[in-house]
């Protein structure tokens, strides 16, 4: 891919680091990548018990988590009204009285994520804010539509106003070890996004092994991905801690080798506030403070926000409210 473009071009408002320009495919590096599954699983099993934050410290971490959510609706029955309500929730994710008591102002979610058909609706609903619209693309979720149409779909979403594009890779390239094909596909999709940032969805639940996850992560970063993302949320297995540990260590290795930071997005199955806290502690431990900001970390979620609201209300009042008092739209 062409890496002559300045890496700082096309930055989103919240991005403060140089954009990953990609690099030439290095198959020797790819072949050297391994994943010790038993060690990764042992480490992941310890994570929920290793960090415990309580009271005002937990509230602060949960407010941080809200700022990292890609508030998402990806249903066949999505309507303009539903998306508009979701965008209103993104603008005001927590009841004003709670934010006032917590001393927090200006809190929004990290982005709103929708199908292409709803991009223009979301863009209009978010006018006057810095909240970007993310569009799932390239034949989401299976990625099996004609290749030319997948590339065209990216362009249509960018023209409609999407600032982030969540693309799905062709899983068969990973399963058949066709790394050149995966690299070329990712590089062309990155180029089609232009200034819009691209999140590469690996659909890790369909890749077979953690070694495949590690190698696919590395190749997508070599081809210029701004983020790597676990799942579409439609697979049988979505975000898990072993997969997350594998992917974020690939991100760490890539930065060590190239100097460029790549973001991470776990998606699918993260519905509880306690899960968000585990992921935040994992990012802090493995990658450090920069990966606790929305330019480098997002949750792909919808119901997560509702549970975080319930936990914040409990912190303030001592009582849990009914989940239906915190609807997403």
Protein backbone atom coordinates (compact mmCIF):
# COMPACT_ATOMS: atom_id res chain seq x y z
CA UNK A 1 0.00 0.00 0.00
CA UNK A 2 1.06 3.62 -0.48
CA UNK A 3 2.55 4.97 2.74
CA UNK A 4 3.73 8.31 1.36
CA UNK A 5 0.75 10.17 2.84
CA UNK A 6 1.53 12.00 6.05
CA UNK A 7 0.51 9.77 8.97
CA UNK A 8 -1.09 12.74 10.74
CA UNK A 9 -3.59 13.42 7.97
CA UNK A 10 -7.22 12.57 8.54
CA UNK A 11 -7.21 12.56 12.32
CA UNK A 12 -10.51 12.51 14.16
CA UNK A 13 -11.08 15.35 16.65
CA UNK A 14 -10.18 13.20 19.67
CA UNK A 15 -7.06 11.65 18.09
CA UNK A 16 -3.74 12.98 19.33
CA UNK A 17 -1.32 10.39 17.93
CA UNK A 18 -0.06 9.76 14.41
CA UNK A 19 -2.34 7.55 12.34
CA UNK A 20 -0.99 4.09 11.51
CA UNK A 21 0.13 4.27 7.85
CA UNK A 22 0.78 0.55 7.57
CA UNK A 23 3.91 -1.13 6.24
CA UNK A 24 5.00 -3.69 3.69
CA UNK A 25 3.84 -7.23 4.39
CA UNK A 26 6.53 -9.00 6.42
CA UNK A 27 5.81 -12.73 6.16
CA UNK A 28 8.85 -13.65 8.27
CA UNK A 29 7.41 -11.64 11.15
CA UNK A 30 3.98 -13.24 10.61
CA UNK A 31 5.46 -16.76 10.58
CA UNK A 32 7.29 -16.07 13.84
CA UNK A 33 4.06 -15.14 15.66
CA UNK A 34 2.86 -17.83 18.06
CA UNK A 35 0.25 -17.96 20.82
CA UNK A 36 0.68 -20.05 23.96
CA UNK A 37 -2.99 -20.86 24.44
CA UNK A 38 -2.73 -22.45 27.89
CA UNK A 39 -0.66 -19.54 29.26
CA UNK A 40 -3.01 -16.97 27.74
CA UNK A 41 -6.05 -18.72 29.18
CA UNK A 42 -4.43 -18.95 32.64
CA UNK A 43 -3.60 -15.23 32.59
CA UNK A 44 -7.09 -14.34 31.39
CA UNK A 45 -8.69 -16.43 34.14
CA UNK A 46 -6.95 -14.33 36.80
CA UNK A 47 -8.07 -10.97 35.41
CA UNK A 48 -11.52 -10.62 37.04
CA UNK A 49 -10.01 -11.02 40.51
CA UNK A 50 -6.86 -8.95 40.11
CA UNK A 51 -8.33 -5.46 40.22
CA UNK A 52 -11.10 -4.25 42.50
CA UNK A 53 -12.27 -0.64 42.63
CA UNK A 54 -15.01 0.55 44.96
CA UNK A 55 -17.19 3.56 45.69
CA UNK A 56 -16.12 6.84 44.07
CA UNK A 57 -13.19 5.16 42.30
CA UNK A 58 -15.52 2.65 40.67
CA UNK A 59 -17.86 5.48 39.65
CA UNK A 60 -14.95 7.30 38.01
CA UNK A 61 -13.93 4.20 36.05
CA UNK A 62 -17.52 3.64 34.93
CA UNK A 63 -17.80 7.22 33.69
CA UNK A 64 -14.60 6.61 31.73
CA UNK A 65 -16.15 3.45 30.27
CA UNK A 66 -19.15 5.43 29.00
CA UNK A 67 -16.84 7.74 27.05
CA UNK A 68 -15.41 4.67 25.30
CA UNK A 69 -18.66 3.08 24.13
CA UNK A 70 -19.57 2.82 20.45
CA UNK A 71 -23.30 2.95 21.13
CA UNK A 72 -24.66 0.49 18.61
CA UNK A 73 -27.85 -0.60 16.88
CA UNK A 74 -27.48 -3.21 14.15
CA UNK A 75 -30.91 -4.77 13.81
CA UNK A 76 -32.96 -5.54 10.74
CA UNK A 77 -35.84 -3.55 12.21
CA UNK A 78 -33.87 -0.34 12.81
CA UNK A 79 -35.84 2.80 12.01
CA UNK A 80 -34.92 6.46 11.77
CA UNK A 81 -36.73 7.06 15.05
CA UNK A 82 -34.74 4.38 16.86
CA UNK A 83 -31.46 5.78 15.58
CA UNK A 84 -32.45 9.33 16.55
CA UNK A 85 -33.25 8.16 20.07
CA UNK A 86 -29.94 6.30 20.24
CA UNK A 87 -28.11 9.45 19.18
CA UNK A 88 -29.93 11.43 21.85
CA UNK A 89 -28.70 8.85 24.35
CA UNK A 90 -25.15 9.21 23.02
CA UNK A 91 -25.35 12.97 23.58
CA UNK A 92 -26.78 12.57 27.09
CA UNK A 93 -25.81 9.06 28.23
CA UNK A 94 -26.52 9.57 31.93
CA UNK A 95 -29.34 11.42 33.67
CA UNK A 96 -28.33 15.07 34.32
CA UNK A 97 -29.02 14.82 38.06
CA UNK A 98 -26.54 11.96 38.35
CA UNK A 99 -23.85 13.79 36.40
CA UNK A 100 -24.37 16.88 38.56
CA UNK A 101 -23.91 14.90 41.75
CA UNK A 102 -20.85 13.18 40.30
CA UNK A 103 -19.33 16.50 39.24
CA UNK A 104 -19.16 15.48 35.58
CA UNK A 105 -19.99 17.66 32.57
CA UNK A 106 -19.77 17.16 28.83
CA UNK A 107 -19.91 13.36 28.95
CA UNK A 108 -20.84 11.58 25.70
CA UNK A 109 -20.29 8.13 24.28
CA UNK A 110 -17.32 7.53 21.98
CA UNK A 111 -19.37 7.07 18.80
CA UNK A 112 -22.66 5.83 17.39
CA UNK A 113 -22.44 2.71 15.21
CA UNK A 114 -25.10 1.88 12.61
CA UNK A 115 -25.70 0.24 9.26
CA UNK A 116 -25.04 2.34 6.15
CA UNK A 117 -28.75 2.99 5.63
CA UNK A 118 -28.86 4.92 8.91
CA UNK A 119 -25.62 6.92 8.56
CA UNK A 120 -27.23 10.14 7.30
CA UNK A 121 -29.89 9.97 10.00
CA UNK A 122 -27.23 9.57 12.70
CA UNK A 123 -25.07 12.36 11.26
CA UNK A 124 -28.00 14.78 11.34
CA UNK A 125 -28.96 13.73 14.87
CA UNK A 126 -25.41 14.33 16.12
CA UNK A 127 -24.89 17.75 14.51
CA UNK A 128 -23.23 20.19 16.87
CA UNK A 129 -21.32 17.46 18.71
CA UNK A 130 -17.93 15.85 18.19
CA UNK A 131 -19.43 12.34 18.35
CA UNK A 132 -18.43 10.47 15.19
CA UNK A 133 -20.72 8.11 13.31
CA UNK A 134 -19.32 4.65 12.64
CA UNK A 135 -20.76 2.49 9.86
CA UNK A 136 -20.43 -1.27 9.62
CA UNK A 137 -19.48 -2.13 6.07
CA UNK A 138 -18.13 -4.65 3.54
CA UNK A 139 -21.05 -7.04 3.65
CA UNK A 140 -21.35 -7.03 7.44
CA UNK A 141 -21.52 -9.42 9.23
CA UNK A 142 -20.40 -12.30 6.96
CA UNK A 143 -18.31 -10.29 4.48
CA UNK A 144 -19.36 -12.54 1.60
CA UNK A 145 -20.94 -10.07 -0.79
CA UNK A 146 -19.11 -9.38 -4.11
CA UNK A 147 -15.77 -7.77 -3.42
CA UNK A 148 -16.32 -4.72 -5.65
CA UNK A 149 -19.59 -4.03 -3.85
CA UNK A 150 -17.85 -4.22 -0.48
CA UNK A 151 -15.35 -1.58 -1.56
CA UNK A 152 -18.14 0.59 -3.00
CA UNK A 153 -20.08 0.27 0.26
CA UNK A 154 -17.19 1.85 2.15
CA UNK A 155 -17.21 4.83 -0.21
CA UNK A 156 -20.97 5.28 0.10
CA UNK A 157 -20.78 5.39 3.90
CA UNK A 158 -17.89 7.87 3.87
CA UNK A 159 -19.80 10.14 1.50
CA UNK A 160 -22.84 9.89 3.76
CA UNK A 161 -20.77 11.30 6.62
CA UNK A 162 -19.35 8.30 8.49
CA UNK A 163 -16.04 9.15 10.16
CA UNK A 164 -15.27 5.56 11.11
CA UNK A 165 -15.79 2.38 9.09
CA UNK A 166 -15.99 -1.04 10.75
CA UNK A 167 -15.06 -3.53 8.03
CA UNK A 168 -15.16 -7.32 8.20
CA UNK A 169 -12.28 -9.38 6.88
CA UNK A 170 -12.66 -12.51 4.77
CA UNK A 171 -12.22 -15.26 7.36
CA UNK A 172 -11.27 -17.80 4.68
CA UNK A 173 -7.98 -15.97 4.08
CA UNK A 174 -7.03 -16.63 7.69
CA UNK A 175 -8.28 -20.21 7.76
CA UNK A 176 -6.33 -21.04 4.57
CA UNK A 177 -3.26 -19.03 5.69
CA UNK A 178 -3.48 -16.82 2.59
CA UNK A 179 -1.80 -13.88 4.27
CA UNK A 180 -1.06 -11.98 1.06
CA UNK A 181 -4.77 -11.98 0.15
CA UNK A 182 -5.72 -10.76 3.62
CA UNK A 183 -3.12 -8.00 3.47
CA UNK A 184 -4.18 -6.86 0.00
CA UNK A 185 -7.87 -6.84 0.99
CA UNK A 186 -7.24 -4.86 4.16
CA UNK A 187 -4.97 -2.37 2.37
CA UNK A 188 -7.59 -1.70 -0.33
CA UNK A 189 -10.31 -1.25 2.27
CA UNK A 190 -8.09 1.14 4.23
CA UNK A 191 -7.48 3.15 1.05
CA UNK A 192 -11.22 3.25 0.28
CA UNK A 193 -11.86 4.78 3.72
CA UNK A 194 -9.74 7.83 2.95
CA UNK A 195 -9.72 10.10 6.00
CA UNK A 196 -12.28 7.94 7.80
CA UNK A 197 -10.68 5.67 10.34
CA UNK A 198 -11.02 1.93 9.77
CA UNK A 199 -11.70 -0.75 12.36
CA UNK A 200 -10.87 -4.25 11.14
CA UNK A 201 -13.32 -6.84 12.52
CA UNK A 202 -11.58 -10.21 12.77
CA UNK A 203 -14.63 -12.28 13.80
CA UNK A 204 -12.31 -14.13 16.16
CA UNK A 205 -14.91 -16.73 17.09
CA UNK A 206 -14.58 -18.07 13.55
CA UNK A 207 -10.78 -18.07 13.22
CA UNK A 208 -10.12 -21.38 14.96
CA UNK A 209 -7.02 -20.68 17.07
CA UNK A 210 -5.43 -17.88 19.05
CA UNK A 211 -2.40 -18.12 16.77
CA UNK A 212 -4.66 -17.30 13.82
CA UNK A 213 -6.07 -14.38 15.83
CA UNK A 214 -2.56 -13.08 16.55
CA UNK A 215 -1.41 -13.37 12.94
CA UNK A 216 -4.57 -11.83 11.50
CA UNK A 217 -4.25 -8.94 13.98
CA UNK A 218 -0.69 -8.29 12.87
CA UNK A 219 -1.48 -8.40 9.15
CA UNK A 220 -4.42 -6.00 9.49
CA UNK A 221 -2.15 -3.56 11.31
CA UNK A 222 0.54 -3.96 8.63
CA UNK A 223 -2.11 -3.06 6.05
CA UNK A 224 -3.03 0.15 7.89
CA UNK A 225 -5.89 -0.66 10.27
CA UNK A 226 -6.53 2.11 12.79
CA UNK A 227 -8.28 -0.34 15.15
CA UNK A 228 -8.56 -4.08 15.36
CA UNK A 229 -11.91 -5.37 16.63
CA UNK A 230 -12.85 -8.79 17.97
CA UNK A 231 -16.27 -9.49 16.52
CA UNK A 232 -19.36 -8.42 14.67
CA UNK A 233 -21.47 -9.39 17.67
CA UNK A 234 -23.28 -11.86 15.42
CA UNK A 235 -20.93 -14.85 15.87
CA UNK A 236 -21.54 -17.68 18.31
CA UNK A 237 -18.48 -16.56 20.31
CA UNK A 238 -17.62 -12.88 20.45
CA UNK A 239 -15.26 -10.90 22.70
CA UNK A 240 -13.44 -13.01 25.29
CA UNK A 241 -10.54 -12.22 27.59
CA UNK A 242 -8.10 -14.74 25.98
CA UNK A 243 -8.80 -13.27 22.54
CA UNK A 244 -8.44 -9.75 23.91
CA UNK A 245 -5.12 -10.56 25.55
CA UNK A 246 -3.86 -12.05 22.28
CA UNK A 247 -4.92 -9.03 20.22
CA UNK A 248 -3.64 -6.33 22.55
CA UNK A 249 -0.25 -8.03 22.82
CA UNK A 250 -0.11 -7.97 19.01
CA UNK A 251 -0.85 -4.23 19.25
CA UNK A 252 1.98 -3.84 21.76
CA UNK A 253 4.42 -5.73 19.52
CA UNK A 254 3.39 -3.68 16.50
CA UNK A 255 3.99 -0.40 18.32
CA UNK A 256 7.35 -1.63 19.58
CA UNK A 257 8.42 -2.50 16.03
CA UNK A 258 6.92 0.46 14.11
CA UNK A 259 6.27 3.22 16.63
CA UNK A 260 2.59 3.48 15.63
CA UNK A 261 -0.30 2.99 18.02
CA UNK A 262 -3.33 0.94 16.92
CA UNK A 263 -6.64 0.91 18.77
CA UNK A 264 -8.60 -2.01 20.15
CA UNK A 265 -12.36 -2.67 20.20
CA UNK A 266 -13.90 -5.68 21.96
CA UNK A 267 -17.48 -6.20 20.77
CA UNK A 268 -20.26 -8.62 21.51
CA UNK A 269 -21.20 -10.02 24.91
CA UNK A 270 -19.95 -7.12 27.03
CA UNK A 271 -23.17 -6.17 28.79
CA UNK A 272 -22.28 -5.66 32.46
CA UNK A 273 -20.47 -2.83 34.20
CA UNK A 274 -18.21 -5.31 36.00
CA UNK A 275 -17.07 -6.66 32.60
CA UNK A 276 -16.17 -3.15 31.46
CA UNK A 277 -14.02 -2.70 34.56
CA UNK A 278 -12.12 -5.90 33.78
CA UNK A 279 -11.41 -4.76 30.24
CA UNK A 280 -10.28 -1.33 31.41
CA UNK A 281 -7.87 -2.87 33.92
CA UNK A 282 -6.56 -5.20 31.22
CA UNK A 283 -5.84 -2.28 28.89
CA UNK A 284 -4.19 -0.32 31.70
CA UNK A 285 -1.98 -3.28 32.67
CA UNK A 286 -0.96 -4.36 29.17
CA UNK A 287 -0.82 -1.14 27.16
CA UNK A 288 -0.94 1.76 29.60
CA UNK A 289 -2.87 4.99 29.99
CA UNK A 290 -3.02 6.03 26.29
CA UNK A 291 -5.28 3.03 25.62
CA UNK A 292 -7.86 4.30 28.10
CA UNK A 293 -8.86 7.08 25.70
CA UNK A 294 -11.48 6.91 22.90
CA UNK A 295 -8.87 7.34 20.16
CA UNK A 296 -7.40 3.94 21.08
CA UNK A 297 -10.09 1.96 22.87
CA UNK A 298 -13.81 1.39 22.32
CA UNK A 299 -16.47 -0.98 23.58
CA UNK A 300 -18.85 -2.22 20.90
CA UNK A 301 -22.02 -2.36 22.97
CA UNK A 302 -25.57 -1.24 23.55
CA UNK A 303 -26.91 -2.78 26.76
CA UNK A 304 -23.63 -2.05 28.59
CA UNK A 305 -24.57 1.60 29.01
CA UNK A 306 -27.82 0.72 30.77
CA UNK A 307 -26.07 -1.43 33.34
CA UNK A 308 -23.44 1.23 33.98
CA UNK A 309 -26.23 3.74 34.63
CA UNK A 310 -27.81 1.36 37.14
CA UNK A 311 -24.49 0.98 38.96
CA UNK A 312 -23.97 4.74 39.07
CA UNK A 313 -27.47 5.25 40.46
CA UNK A 314 -26.78 2.62 43.12
CA UNK A 315 -23.56 4.43 44.03
CA UNK A 316 -25.50 7.68 44.52
CA UNK A 317 -28.67 6.39 46.17
CA UNK A 318 -27.90 2.96 47.59
CA UNK A 319 -30.69 1.43 45.49
CA UNK A 320 -30.78 -0.43 42.17
CA UNK A 321 -33.34 0.83 39.69
CA UNK A 322 -35.21 -1.33 37.20
CA UNK A 323 -33.35 -1.91 33.93
CA UNK A 324 -36.27 -0.53 31.91
CA UNK A 325 -35.62 2.91 33.44
CA UNK A 326 -32.41 3.07 31.43
CA UNK A 327 -33.57 2.25 27.92
CA UNK A 328 -31.25 2.91 25.00
CA UNK A 329 -33.84 4.45 22.70
